[in-house]
Amino acid sequence: MDLYKAIRELYAEKTRLEEAIASLEELVAAKSGAAVLKLEGLQGKKRRGRKSMPADERRAVSDRMKKYWAQRRARSARGAGKG
């Protein structure tokens, strides 16, 4: 199964569903004479991508990774000298 094709199809379906929801909300609002239905609370607004990290946490992660990679390079250099 082509994953990219599946993803494209899911995005297309999502777009169709969002359009259907919007048109139904317009019908409800027009019928009741009220403003657009407030369903935003039902939709979980999630951020896409990575979460942000404070500068001090980023610095701590950076220090840990520098130490980790220094140890890896040292281990790799010791192993290469044995050959």
N, C-alpha and C. Protein backbone atom coordinates (compact mmCIF):
# COMPACT_ATOMS: atom_id res chain seq x y z
N MET A 1 0.85 -1.18 0.00
CA MET A 1 0.00 0.00 0.00
C MET A 1 0.89 1.24 0.00
N ASP A 2 0.59 2.16 -0.87
CA ASP A 2 1.35 3.39 -0.96
C ASP A 2 0.91 4.33 0.16
N LEU A 3 1.80 4.57 1.11
CA LEU A 3 1.45 5.40 2.26
C LEU A 3 1.15 6.83 1.86
N TYR A 4 1.90 7.36 0.90
CA TYR A 4 1.66 8.73 0.47
C TYR A 4 0.27 8.87 -0.15
N LYS A 5 -0.14 7.87 -0.91
CA LYS A 5 -1.47 7.90 -1.52
C LYS A 5 -2.54 7.86 -0.42
N ALA A 6 -2.33 7.01 0.58
CA ALA A 6 -3.28 6.90 1.68
C ALA A 6 -3.39 8.22 2.44
N ILE A 7 -2.24 8.86 2.66
CA ILE A 7 -2.24 10.15 3.36
C ILE A 7 -2.99 11.19 2.55
N ARG A 8 -2.74 11.24 1.24
CA ARG A 8 -3.44 12.21 0.38
C ARG A 8 -4.95 11.97 0.42
N GLU A 9 -5.35 10.69 0.37
CA GLU A 9 -6.78 10.38 0.41
C GLU A 9 -7.40 10.79 1.73
N LEU A 10 -6.67 10.58 2.83
CA LEU A 10 -7.19 10.97 4.15
C LEU A 10 -7.33 12.49 4.26
N TYR A 11 -6.36 13.23 3.72
CA TYR A 11 -6.47 14.69 3.74
C TYR A 11 -7.66 15.15 2.90
N ALA A 12 -7.87 14.50 1.76
CA ALA A 12 -9.02 14.85 0.92
C ALA A 12 -10.32 14.57 1.66
N GLU A 13 -10.39 13.44 2.34
CA GLU A 13 -11.58 13.10 3.11
C GLU A 13 -11.79 14.11 4.24
N LYS A 14 -10.70 14.49 4.89
CA LYS A 14 -10.78 15.48 5.97
C LYS A 14 -11.35 16.79 5.44
N THR A 15 -10.89 17.22 4.27
CA THR A 15 -11.39 18.46 3.66
C THR A 15 -12.88 18.34 3.37
N ARG A 16 -13.30 17.20 2.81
CA ARG A 16 -14.72 17.00 2.52
C ARG A 16 -15.55 17.05 3.79
N LEU A 17 -15.05 16.41 4.86
CA LEU A 17 -15.78 16.40 6.13
C LEU A 17 -15.88 17.81 6.71
N GLU A 18 -14.78 18.58 6.66
CA GLU A 18 -14.82 19.94 7.18
C GLU A 18 -15.82 20.79 6.41
N GLU A 19 -15.87 20.61 5.09
CA GLU A 19 -16.84 21.36 4.29
C GLU A 19 -18.27 20.96 4.63
N ALA A 20 -18.49 19.67 4.84
CA ALA A 20 -19.83 19.19 5.20
C ALA A 20 -20.24 19.75 6.56
N ILE A 21 -19.33 19.75 7.51
CA ILE A 21 -19.63 20.29 8.84
C ILE A 21 -19.96 21.77 8.75
N ALA A 22 -19.16 22.50 7.96
CA ALA A 22 -19.41 23.94 7.82
C ALA A 22 -20.78 24.21 7.21
N SER A 23 -21.15 23.43 6.20
CA SER A 23 -22.46 23.66 5.57
C SER A 23 -23.60 23.29 6.52
N LEU A 24 -23.44 22.25 7.30
CA LEU A 24 -24.47 21.88 8.28
C LEU A 24 -24.60 22.96 9.36
N GLU A 25 -23.46 23.51 9.79
CA GLU A 25 -23.52 24.58 10.79
C GLU A 25 -24.25 25.79 10.23
N GLU A 26 -24.03 26.10 8.94
CA GLU A 26 -24.72 27.22 8.32
C GLU A 26 -26.22 26.97 8.27
N LEU A 27 -26.61 25.71 7.96
CA LEU A 27 -28.04 25.37 7.94
C LEU A 27 -28.67 25.55 9.31
N VAL A 28 -27.99 25.06 10.33
CA VAL A 28 -28.52 25.18 11.69
C VAL A 28 -28.64 26.64 12.08
N ALA A 29 -27.62 27.44 11.76
CA ALA A 29 -27.65 28.85 12.11
C ALA A 29 -28.76 29.56 11.35
N ALA A 30 -28.96 29.22 10.10
CA ALA A 30 -30.00 29.87 9.29
C ALA A 30 -31.39 29.48 9.79
N LYS A 31 -31.55 28.22 10.17
CA LYS A 31 -32.85 27.75 10.66
C LYS A 31 -33.22 28.38 11.99
N SER A 32 -32.25 28.45 12.89
CA SER A 32 -32.56 28.95 14.22
C SER A 32 -32.47 30.46 14.31
N GLY A 33 -31.87 31.08 13.32
CA GLY A 33 -31.71 32.53 13.35
C GLY A 33 -30.62 32.96 14.30
N ALA A 34 -29.93 32.00 14.88
CA ALA A 34 -28.85 32.31 15.83
C ALA A 34 -27.53 32.43 15.09
N ALA A 35 -26.55 32.86 15.82
CA ALA A 35 -25.20 32.94 15.24
C ALA A 35 -24.69 31.52 14.99
N VAL A 36 -23.57 31.42 14.34
CA VAL A 36 -23.00 30.11 14.00
C VAL A 36 -22.83 29.28 15.27
N LEU A 37 -23.14 28.02 15.15
CA LEU A 37 -23.04 27.10 16.28
C LEU A 37 -21.63 27.11 16.83
N LYS A 38 -21.51 27.16 18.12
CA LYS A 38 -20.18 27.20 18.72
C LYS A 38 -19.77 25.79 19.13
N LEU A 39 -19.12 25.13 18.20
CA LEU A 39 -18.66 23.78 18.46
C LEU A 39 -17.14 23.73 18.63
N GLU A 40 -16.51 24.89 18.71
CA GLU A 40 -15.06 24.90 18.83
C GLU A 40 -14.59 24.17 20.07
N GLY A 41 -15.38 24.20 21.12
CA GLY A 41 -15.01 23.51 22.35
C GLY A 41 -14.92 22.01 22.15
N LEU A 42 -15.68 21.47 21.20
CA LEU A 42 -15.66 20.04 20.94
C LEU A 42 -14.44 19.63 20.13
N GLN A 43 -13.92 20.57 19.37
CA GLN A 43 -12.77 20.26 18.54
C GLN A 43 -11.51 20.52 19.35
N GLY A 44 -10.67 19.51 19.48
CA GLY A 44 -9.42 19.69 20.20
C GLY A 44 -8.43 20.43 19.32
N LYS A 45 -8.12 21.64 19.69
CA LYS A 45 -7.17 22.42 18.90
C LYS A 45 -5.77 22.01 19.34
N LYS A 46 -5.11 21.25 18.51
CA LYS A 46 -3.79 20.75 18.84
C LYS A 46 -2.76 21.44 17.96
N ARG A 47 -1.63 21.70 18.55
CA ARG A 47 -0.53 22.25 17.77
C ARG A 47 0.11 21.13 16.98
N ARG A 48 0.50 21.45 15.79
CA ARG A 48 1.19 20.46 14.98
C ARG A 48 2.68 20.65 15.16
N GLY A 49 3.40 19.56 15.03
CA GLY A 49 4.85 19.67 15.12
C GLY A 49 5.34 19.49 16.54
N ARG A 50 6.56 19.94 16.77
CA ARG A 50 7.18 19.75 18.08
C ARG A 50 6.76 20.83 19.06
N LYS A 51 6.82 20.47 20.32
CA LYS A 51 6.53 21.43 21.36
C LYS A 51 7.77 22.29 21.56
N SER A 52 7.56 23.52 21.99
CA SER A 52 8.70 24.39 22.23
C SER A 52 9.30 24.03 23.58
N MET A 53 10.57 24.39 23.74
CA MET A 53 11.29 24.04 24.95
C MET A 53 12.00 25.30 25.45
N PRO A 54 11.94 25.55 26.75
CA PRO A 54 12.63 26.72 27.29
C PRO A 54 14.14 26.65 27.01
N ALA A 55 14.78 27.79 27.00
CA ALA A 55 16.21 27.88 26.66
C ALA A 55 17.07 27.06 27.62
N ASP A 56 16.77 27.09 28.91
CA ASP A 56 17.60 26.34 29.86
C ASP A 56 17.49 24.83 29.64
N GLU A 57 16.29 24.35 29.29
CA GLU A 57 16.13 22.92 28.98
C GLU A 57 16.89 22.56 27.71
N ARG A 58 16.81 23.44 26.70
CA ARG A 58 17.51 23.20 25.44
C ARG A 58 19.02 23.11 25.68
N ARG A 59 19.53 24.01 26.54
CA ARG A 59 20.95 24.03 26.86
C ARG A 59 21.34 22.73 27.58
N ALA A 60 20.50 22.27 28.50
CA ALA A 60 20.80 21.03 29.23
C ALA A 60 20.82 19.84 28.27
N VAL A 61 19.87 19.78 27.36
CA VAL A 61 19.84 18.70 26.38
C VAL A 61 21.08 18.76 25.50
N SER A 62 21.45 19.97 25.09
CA SER A 62 22.62 20.16 24.25
C SER A 62 23.88 19.66 24.96
N ASP A 63 24.03 20.02 26.24
CA ASP A 63 25.20 19.57 27.01
C ASP A 63 25.24 18.05 27.12
N ARG A 64 24.07 17.45 27.40
CA ARG A 64 24.01 15.98 27.51
C ARG A 64 24.40 15.32 26.19
N MET A 65 23.89 15.86 25.08
CA MET A 65 24.20 15.25 23.78
C MET A 65 25.66 15.44 23.40
N LYS A 66 26.25 16.59 23.73
CA LYS A 66 27.68 16.80 23.46
C LYS A 66 28.51 15.78 24.21
N LYS A 67 28.15 15.55 25.46
CA LYS A 67 28.87 14.57 26.27
C LYS A 67 28.70 13.16 25.68
N TYR A 68 27.47 12.85 25.29
CA TYR A 68 27.17 11.53 24.71
C TYR A 68 27.99 11.29 23.45
N TRP A 69 27.99 12.28 22.53
CA TRP A 69 28.70 12.09 21.27
C TRP A 69 30.21 12.09 21.48
N ALA A 70 30.72 12.82 22.45
CA ALA A 70 32.15 12.78 22.75
C ALA A 70 32.53 11.37 23.21
N GLN A 71 31.70 10.77 24.06
CA GLN A 71 31.96 9.40 24.51
C GLN A 71 31.89 8.43 23.34
N ARG A 72 30.93 8.61 22.46
CA ARG A 72 30.81 7.73 21.28
C ARG A 72 32.04 7.84 20.39
N ARG A 73 32.51 9.09 20.15
CA ARG A 73 33.69 9.28 19.30
C ARG A 73 34.91 8.65 19.95
N ALA A 74 35.04 8.79 21.28
CA ALA A 74 36.19 8.22 21.98
C ALA A 74 36.15 6.70 21.89
N ARG A 75 34.98 6.10 22.08
CA ARG A 75 34.83 4.66 21.99
C ARG A 75 35.14 4.17 20.57
N SER A 76 34.67 4.91 19.59
CA SER A 76 34.88 4.56 18.21
C SER A 76 36.36 4.67 17.84
N ALA A 77 37.06 5.69 18.36
CA ALA A 77 38.48 5.86 18.09
C ALA A 77 39.29 4.73 18.71
N ARG A 78 38.92 4.30 19.90
CA ARG A 78 39.62 3.17 20.55
C ARG A 78 39.42 1.90 19.75
N GLY A 79 38.19 1.69 19.27
CA GLY A 79 37.88 0.48 18.48
C GLY A 79 38.60 0.47 17.15
N ALA A 80 38.77 1.63 16.53
CA ALA A 80 39.42 1.70 15.21
C ALA A 80 40.91 1.42 15.32
N GLY A 81 41.52 1.74 16.43
CA GLY A 81 42.96 1.52 16.61
C GLY A 81 43.33 0.06 16.76
N LYS A 82 42.36 -0.79 17.08
CA LYS A 82 42.63 -2.21 17.31
C LYS A 82 42.86 -2.96 16.01
N GLY A 83 42.29 -2.47 14.88
CA GLY A 83 42.30 -3.17 13.61
C GLY A 83 43.63 -3.32 13.05
